[in-house]
Amino acid sequence: MRAVVLLSLIAVALAQQPSQCPGPSAFSGRFRRIDRERQYFVDGRIWYDELNRRVREFEAEEIGRDREFIDRLVLYNLNIEYTVNLRNRTCTVSAPRRPFVPYGVPPDARFQGEGTAGVVGKPGEEVTLAMFSGTFSGENYFVSVTEPDCFPVQFGLLGNQSFFHQEFYDVVEGINDPEAFIPPQSCL
């Protein structure tokens, strides 16, 4: 009898554990990246299309006391990255600096825990977050997503020589700018 009760409790606990979810395949929003060691701060807008492997970012970078404004379009399926310095309108065309990384929760991710952001118990003032981790292309990653919709809140990669951390906010499903993935005029 005790074994049946114990197995029932384990089944209930596992049923409450959030499952892996891909998140929206396309979204628009804002992001922030910070690297305190290099005094590097980026705040910007993002358009993300997982299906076609495209990312567009308008970035305001602060490196020490210098500020740069960058328009970056990465078309991973074509292996092209357009980077425009918006101050002087110079365009650099190159291969993508990083491999494409989906921002959702992959099927092999391990659940790490969950928590709540905002005012608990007040409708519309809180969001439940689920945290996962795993390995992607040889690098460890961590991702936090909203529950139950799986919108990304933060994403990070930890490699032998690298660290990448990005936070997302004001995220909405879909691409709210139909011209988000058209290459910048100064690059054509």
C-alpha atoms as a PDB file:
ATOM      1  CA  MET A   1       0.000   0.000   0.000  1.00  0.00           C
ATOM      2  CA  ARG A   2       2.814   2.405   0.856  1.00  0.00           C
ATOM      3  CA  ALA A   3       4.421   1.714  -2.510  1.00  0.00           C
ATOM      4  CA  VAL A   4       1.168   2.625  -4.289  1.00  0.00           C
ATOM      5  CA  VAL A   5       0.884   5.893  -2.331  1.00  0.00           C
ATOM      6  CA  LEU A   6       4.560   6.725  -2.984  1.00  0.00           C
ATOM      7  CA  LEU A   7       4.216   6.018  -6.707  1.00  0.00           C
ATOM      8  CA  SER A   8       1.048   8.138  -6.811  1.00  0.00           C
ATOM      9  CA  LEU A   9       2.866  11.065  -5.164  1.00  0.00           C
ATOM     10  CA  ILE A  10       5.780  10.747  -7.602  1.00  0.00           C
ATOM     11  CA  ALA A  11       3.352  10.688 -10.550  1.00  0.00           C
ATOM     12  CA  VAL A  12       1.595  13.820  -9.256  1.00  0.00           C
ATOM     13  CA  ALA A  13       4.939  15.606  -8.760  1.00  0.00           C
ATOM     14  CA  LEU A  14       6.123  14.693 -12.250  1.00  0.00           C
ATOM     15  CA  ALA A  15       2.817  15.800 -13.762  1.00  0.00           C
ATOM     16  CA  GLN A  16       3.342  19.254 -12.243  1.00  0.00           C
ATOM     17  CA  GLN A  17       6.824  19.615 -13.746  1.00  0.00           C
ATOM     18  CA  PRO A  18       6.700  21.877 -16.828  1.00  0.00           C
ATOM     19  CA  SER A  19       7.392  20.094 -20.065  1.00  0.00           C
ATOM     20  CA  GLN A  20       9.737  21.251 -22.793  1.00  0.00           C
ATOM     21  CA  CYS A  21       8.086  23.582 -25.254  1.00  0.00           C
ATOM     22  CA  PRO A  22       9.380  25.200 -28.415  1.00  0.00           C
ATOM     23  CA  GLY A  23       7.898  28.646 -27.764  1.00  0.00           C
ATOM     24  CA  PRO A  24       6.678  30.908 -30.552  1.00  0.00           C
ATOM     25  CA  SER A  25       8.352  30.190 -33.895  1.00  0.00           C
ATOM     26  CA  ALA A  26       8.284  33.922 -34.685  1.00  0.00           C
ATOM     27  CA  PHE A  27       8.282  36.872 -32.290  1.00  0.00           C
ATOM     28  CA  SER A  28       9.059  40.572 -32.005  1.00  0.00           C
ATOM     29  CA  GLY A  29      10.233  42.373 -28.908  1.00  0.00           C
ATOM     30  CA  ARG A  30      13.068  44.026 -27.070  1.00  0.00           C
ATOM     31  CA  PHE A  31      16.272  42.545 -25.691  1.00  0.00           C
ATOM     32  CA  ARG A  32      19.200  43.365 -23.450  1.00  0.00           C
ATOM     33  CA  ARG A  33      22.714  41.876 -23.342  1.00  0.00           C
ATOM     34  CA  ILE A  34      25.259  42.714 -20.665  1.00  0.00           C
ATOM     35  CA  ASP A  35      28.941  41.792 -20.246  1.00  0.00           C
ATOM     36  CA  ARG A  36      30.303  43.607 -17.205  1.00  0.00           C
ATOM     37  CA  GLU A  37      33.879  42.373 -17.649  1.00  0.00           C
ATOM     38  CA  ARG A  38      34.185  44.114 -21.044  1.00  0.00           C
ATOM     39  CA  GLN A  39      31.923  47.026 -19.975  1.00  0.00           C
ATOM     40  CA  TYR A  40      29.590  46.047 -22.797  1.00  0.00           C
ATOM     41  CA  PHE A  41      25.862  46.819 -22.821  1.00  0.00           C
ATOM     42  CA  VAL A  42      23.366  46.335 -25.673  1.00  0.00           C
ATOM     43  CA  ASP A  43      19.706  47.295 -25.652  1.00  0.00           C
ATOM     44  CA  GLY A  44      17.594  46.873 -28.744  1.00  0.00           C
ATOM     45  CA  ARG A  45      14.689  45.517 -30.739  1.00  0.00           C
ATOM     46  CA  ILE A  46      14.516  42.001 -32.172  1.00  0.00           C
ATOM     47  CA  TRP A  47      12.517  40.187 -34.837  1.00  0.00           C
ATOM     48  CA  TYR A  48      13.001  36.423 -34.712  1.00  0.00           C
ATOM     49  CA  ASP A  49      11.854  33.857 -37.304  1.00  0.00           C
ATOM     50  CA  GLU A  50      12.839  30.307 -36.339  1.00  0.00           C
ATOM     51  CA  LEU A  51      11.192  28.599 -39.322  1.00  0.00           C
ATOM     52  CA  ASN A  52      13.224  30.584 -41.888  1.00  0.00           C
ATOM     53  CA  ARG A  53      16.215  31.007 -39.536  1.00  0.00           C
ATOM     54  CA  ARG A  54      16.293  34.836 -39.657  1.00  0.00           C
ATOM     55  CA  VAL A  55      17.050  37.387 -36.939  1.00  0.00           C
ATOM     56  CA  ARG A  56      16.948  41.180 -37.194  1.00  0.00           C
ATOM     57  CA  GLU A  57      18.265  43.382 -34.401  1.00  0.00           C
ATOM     58  CA  PHE A  58      18.520  47.145 -33.990  1.00  0.00           C
ATOM     59  CA  GLU A  59      21.085  47.672 -31.259  1.00  0.00           C
ATOM     60  CA  ALA A  60      22.203  50.584 -29.136  1.00  0.00           C
ATOM     61  CA  GLU A  61      25.598  49.499 -27.795  1.00  0.00           C
ATOM     62  CA  GLU A  62      27.547  51.068 -24.964  1.00  0.00           C
ATOM     63  CA  ILE A  63      31.176  50.007 -24.733  1.00  0.00           C
ATOM     64  CA  GLY A  64      32.714  51.964 -21.884  1.00  0.00           C
ATOM     65  CA  ARG A  65      31.812  55.580 -22.733  1.00  0.00           C
ATOM     66  CA  ASP A  66      31.310  54.996 -26.473  1.00  0.00           C
ATOM     67  CA  ARG A  67      27.854  54.509 -27.989  1.00  0.00           C
ATOM     68  CA  GLU A  68      27.202  52.748 -31.282  1.00  0.00           C
ATOM     69  CA  PHE A  69      23.944  52.120 -33.114  1.00  0.00           C
ATOM     70  CA  ILE A  70      23.845  48.945 -35.180  1.00  0.00           C
ATOM     71  CA  ASP A  71      21.315  47.409 -37.571  1.00  0.00           C
ATOM     72  CA  ARG A  72      22.035  43.674 -37.908  1.00  0.00           C
ATOM     73  CA  LEU A  73      20.210  41.219 -40.162  1.00  0.00           C
ATOM     74  CA  VAL A  74      21.283  37.575 -40.093  1.00  0.00           C
ATOM     75  CA  LEU A  75      19.922  35.233 -42.766  1.00  0.00           C
ATOM     76  CA  TYR A  76      21.251  31.883 -41.568  1.00  0.00           C
ATOM     77  CA  ASN A  77      19.822  29.853 -44.481  1.00  0.00           C
ATOM     78  CA  LEU A  78      21.853  32.035 -46.868  1.00  0.00           C
ATOM     79  CA  ASN A  79      24.884  32.192 -44.496  1.00  0.00           C
ATOM     80  CA  ILE A  80      24.846  36.022 -44.635  1.00  0.00           C
ATOM     81  CA  GLU A  81      25.049  38.667 -41.925  1.00  0.00           C
ATOM     82  CA  TYR A  82      24.495  42.329 -42.772  1.00  0.00           C
ATOM     83  CA  THR A  83      25.805  44.773 -40.170  1.00  0.00           C
ATOM     84  CA  VAL A  84      25.200  48.492 -40.625  1.00  0.00           C
ATOM     85  CA  ASN A  85      26.764  51.164 -38.430  1.00  0.00           C
ATOM     86  CA  LEU A  86      23.876  53.625 -38.298  1.00  0.00           C
ATOM     87  CA  ARG A  87      26.133  56.594 -37.506  1.00  0.00           C
ATOM     88  CA  ASN A  88      28.174  56.492 -40.689  1.00  0.00           C
ATOM     89  CA  ARG A  89      25.939  54.150 -42.760  1.00  0.00           C
ATOM     90  CA  THR A  90      28.784  51.713 -43.478  1.00  0.00           C
ATOM     91  CA  CYS A  91      27.728  48.151 -44.210  1.00  0.00           C
ATOM     92  CA  THR A  92      29.664  44.984 -43.555  1.00  0.00           C
ATOM     93  CA  VAL A  93      28.545  41.732 -45.193  1.00  0.00           C
ATOM     94  CA  SER A  94      29.964  38.538 -43.696  1.00  0.00           C
ATOM     95  CA  ALA A  95      29.156  35.030 -42.570  1.00  0.00           C
ATOM     96  CA  PRO A  96      27.157  34.909 -39.321  1.00  0.00           C
ATOM     97  CA  ARG A  97      29.285  35.420 -36.198  1.00  0.00           C
ATOM     98  CA  ARG A  98      27.440  32.698 -34.287  1.00  0.00           C
ATOM     99  CA  PRO A  99      25.477  29.633 -35.344  1.00  0.00           C
ATOM    100  CA  PHE A 100      21.684  29.859 -35.341  1.00  0.00           C
ATOM    101  CA  VAL A 101      20.269  29.106 -31.905  1.00  0.00           C
ATOM    102  CA  PRO A 102      16.555  28.470 -31.329  1.00  0.00           C
ATOM    103  CA  TYR A 103      15.310  30.468 -28.327  1.00  0.00           C
ATOM    104  CA  GLY A 104      12.633  27.991 -27.228  1.00  0.00           C
ATOM    105  CA  VAL A 105      13.079  24.944 -24.976  1.00  0.00           C
ATOM    106  CA  PRO A 106      14.505  21.989 -26.931  1.00  0.00           C
ATOM    107  CA  PRO A 107      13.044  18.503 -26.333  1.00  0.00           C
ATOM    108  CA  ASP A 108      16.225  17.296 -24.577  1.00  0.00           C
ATOM    109  CA  ALA A 109      16.338  20.219 -22.089  1.00  0.00           C
ATOM    110  CA  ARG A 110      16.428  19.448 -18.379  1.00  0.00           C
ATOM    111  CA  PHE A 111      13.930  21.192 -16.119  1.00  0.00           C
ATOM    112  CA  GLN A 112      15.771  23.156 -13.402  1.00  0.00           C
ATOM    113  CA  GLY A 113      12.930  24.846 -11.537  1.00  0.00           C
ATOM    114  CA  GLU A 114      10.288  27.502 -11.708  1.00  0.00           C
ATOM    115  CA  GLY A 115       9.442  30.776 -10.053  1.00  0.00           C
ATOM    116  CA  THR A 116       7.164  33.774 -10.275  1.00  0.00           C
ATOM    117  CA  ALA A 117       7.946  37.325 -11.375  1.00  0.00           C
ATOM    118  CA  GLY A 118       5.646  40.161 -10.397  1.00  0.00           C
ATOM    119  CA  VAL A 119       2.980  40.444  -7.715  1.00  0.00           C
ATOM    120  CA  VAL A 120       1.909  36.947  -6.655  1.00  0.00           C
ATOM    121  CA  GLY A 121      -1.827  36.368  -6.301  1.00  0.00           C
ATOM    122  CA  LYS A 122      -2.890  39.492  -8.165  1.00  0.00           C
ATOM    123  CA  PRO A 123      -4.429  38.607 -11.549  1.00  0.00           C
ATOM    124  CA  GLY A 124      -2.533  40.055 -14.489  1.00  0.00           C
ATOM    125  CA  GLU A 125       0.392  41.142 -12.293  1.00  0.00           C
ATOM    126  CA  GLU A 126       2.446  37.935 -12.232  1.00  0.00           C
ATOM    127  CA  VAL A 127       4.023  35.486 -14.643  1.00  0.00           C
ATOM    128  CA  THR A 128       5.315  32.002 -13.921  1.00  0.00           C
ATOM    129  CA  LEU A 129       8.767  31.230 -15.295  1.00  0.00           C
ATOM    130  CA  ALA A 130      10.186  27.783 -16.029  1.00  0.00           C
ATOM    131  CA  MET A 131      13.961  27.331 -16.195  1.00  0.00           C
ATOM    132  CA  PHE A 132      15.724  24.698 -18.296  1.00  0.00           C
ATOM    133  CA  SER A 133      19.296  23.799 -19.244  1.00  0.00           C
ATOM    134  CA  GLY A 134      21.107  21.496 -21.620  1.00  0.00           C
ATOM    135  CA  THR A 135      23.786  21.259 -24.290  1.00  0.00           C
ATOM    136  CA  PHE A 136      23.537  22.731 -27.786  1.00  0.00           C
ATOM    137  CA  SER A 137      26.311  22.305 -30.379  1.00  0.00           C
ATOM    138  CA  GLY A 138      28.839  21.482 -27.645  1.00  0.00           C
ATOM    139  CA  GLU A 139      27.974  24.497 -25.468  1.00  0.00           C
ATOM    140  CA  ASN A 140      25.926  24.507 -22.294  1.00  0.00           C
ATOM    141  CA  TYR A 141      22.800  26.638 -22.445  1.00  0.00           C
ATOM    142  CA  PHE A 142      20.152  27.868 -20.045  1.00  0.00           C
ATOM    143  CA  VAL A 143      16.754  29.274 -20.912  1.00  0.00           C
ATOM    144  CA  SER A 144      13.867  30.730 -18.913  1.00  0.00           C
ATOM    145  CA  VAL A 145      10.423  30.897 -20.490  1.00  0.00           C
ATOM    146  CA  THR A 146       6.954  31.996 -19.441  1.00  0.00           C
ATOM    147  CA  GLU A 147       4.485  29.323 -18.423  1.00  0.00           C
ATOM    148  CA  PRO A 148       2.403  28.053 -20.190  1.00  0.00           C
ATOM    149  CA  ASP A 149       3.112  29.953 -23.460  1.00  0.00           C
ATOM    150  CA  CYS A 150       6.908  29.481 -23.496  1.00  0.00           C
ATOM    151  CA  PHE A 151       7.845  33.019 -24.515  1.00  0.00           C
ATOM    152  CA  PRO A 152      11.604  33.460 -23.956  1.00  0.00           C
ATOM    153  CA  VAL A 153      12.641  35.609 -20.986  1.00  0.00           C
ATOM    154  CA  GLN A 154      16.356  34.873 -20.894  1.00  0.00           C
ATOM    155  CA  PHE A 155      18.784  32.726 -22.839  1.00  0.00           C
ATOM    156  CA  GLY A 156      22.458  32.022 -22.304  1.00  0.00           C
ATOM    157  CA  LEU A 157      25.296  29.964 -23.794  1.00  0.00           C
ATOM    158  CA  LEU A 158      28.340  28.914 -21.795  1.00  0.00           C
ATOM    159  CA  GLY A 159      31.278  27.664 -23.859  1.00  0.00           C
ATOM    160  CA  ASN A 160      34.930  26.993 -23.053  1.00  0.00           C
ATOM    161  CA  GLN A 161      35.929  30.468 -24.224  1.00  0.00           C
ATOM    162  CA  SER A 162      32.580  32.217 -24.520  1.00  0.00           C
ATOM    163  CA  PHE A 163      29.619  33.526 -22.568  1.00  0.00           C
ATOM    164  CA  PHE A 164      26.453  34.901 -24.137  1.00  0.00           C
ATOM    165  CA  HIS A 165      23.462  36.117 -22.112  1.00  0.00           C
ATOM    166  CA  GLN A 166      20.358  37.762 -23.515  1.00  0.00           C
ATOM    167  CA  GLU A 167      17.150  38.893 -21.798  1.00  0.00           C
ATOM    168  CA  PHE A 168      13.866  39.452 -23.643  1.00  0.00           C
ATOM    169  CA  TYR A 169      10.927  41.693 -22.749  1.00  0.00           C
ATOM    170  CA  ASP A 170       7.869  43.259 -24.415  1.00  0.00           C
ATOM    171  CA  VAL A 171       7.711  40.108 -26.566  1.00  0.00           C
ATOM    172  CA  VAL A 172       4.704  39.495 -28.829  1.00  0.00           C
ATOM    173  CA  GLU A 173       4.075  36.527 -31.064  1.00  0.00           C
ATOM    174  CA  GLY A 174       4.625  37.085 -34.775  1.00  0.00           C
ATOM    175  CA  ILE A 175       6.591  39.595 -36.822  1.00  0.00           C
ATOM    176  CA  ASN A 176       5.102  43.072 -36.350  1.00  0.00           C
ATOM    177  CA  ASP A 177       7.193  44.670 -39.123  1.00  0.00           C
ATOM    178  CA  PRO A 178       6.647  43.151 -42.603  1.00  0.00           C
ATOM    179  CA  GLU A 179       9.973  44.632 -43.789  1.00  0.00           C
ATOM    180  CA  ALA A 180      12.050  43.288 -40.875  1.00  0.00           C
ATOM    181  CA  PHE A 181      13.946  40.780 -43.021  1.00  0.00           C
ATOM    182  CA  ILE A 182      14.646  42.937 -46.076  1.00  0.00           C
ATOM    183  CA  PRO A 183      18.397  43.654 -46.318  1.00  0.00           C
ATOM    184  CA  PRO A 184      19.378  47.211 -45.342  1.00  0.00           C
ATOM    185  CA  GLN A 185      19.361  49.682 -48.230  1.00  0.00           C
ATOM    186  CA  SER A 186      22.973  50.738 -47.561  1.00  0.00           C
ATOM    187  CA  CYS A 187      24.098  47.125 -48.142  1.00  0.00           C
ATOM    188  CA  LEU A 188      22.545  46.762 -51.595  1.00  0.00           C
END
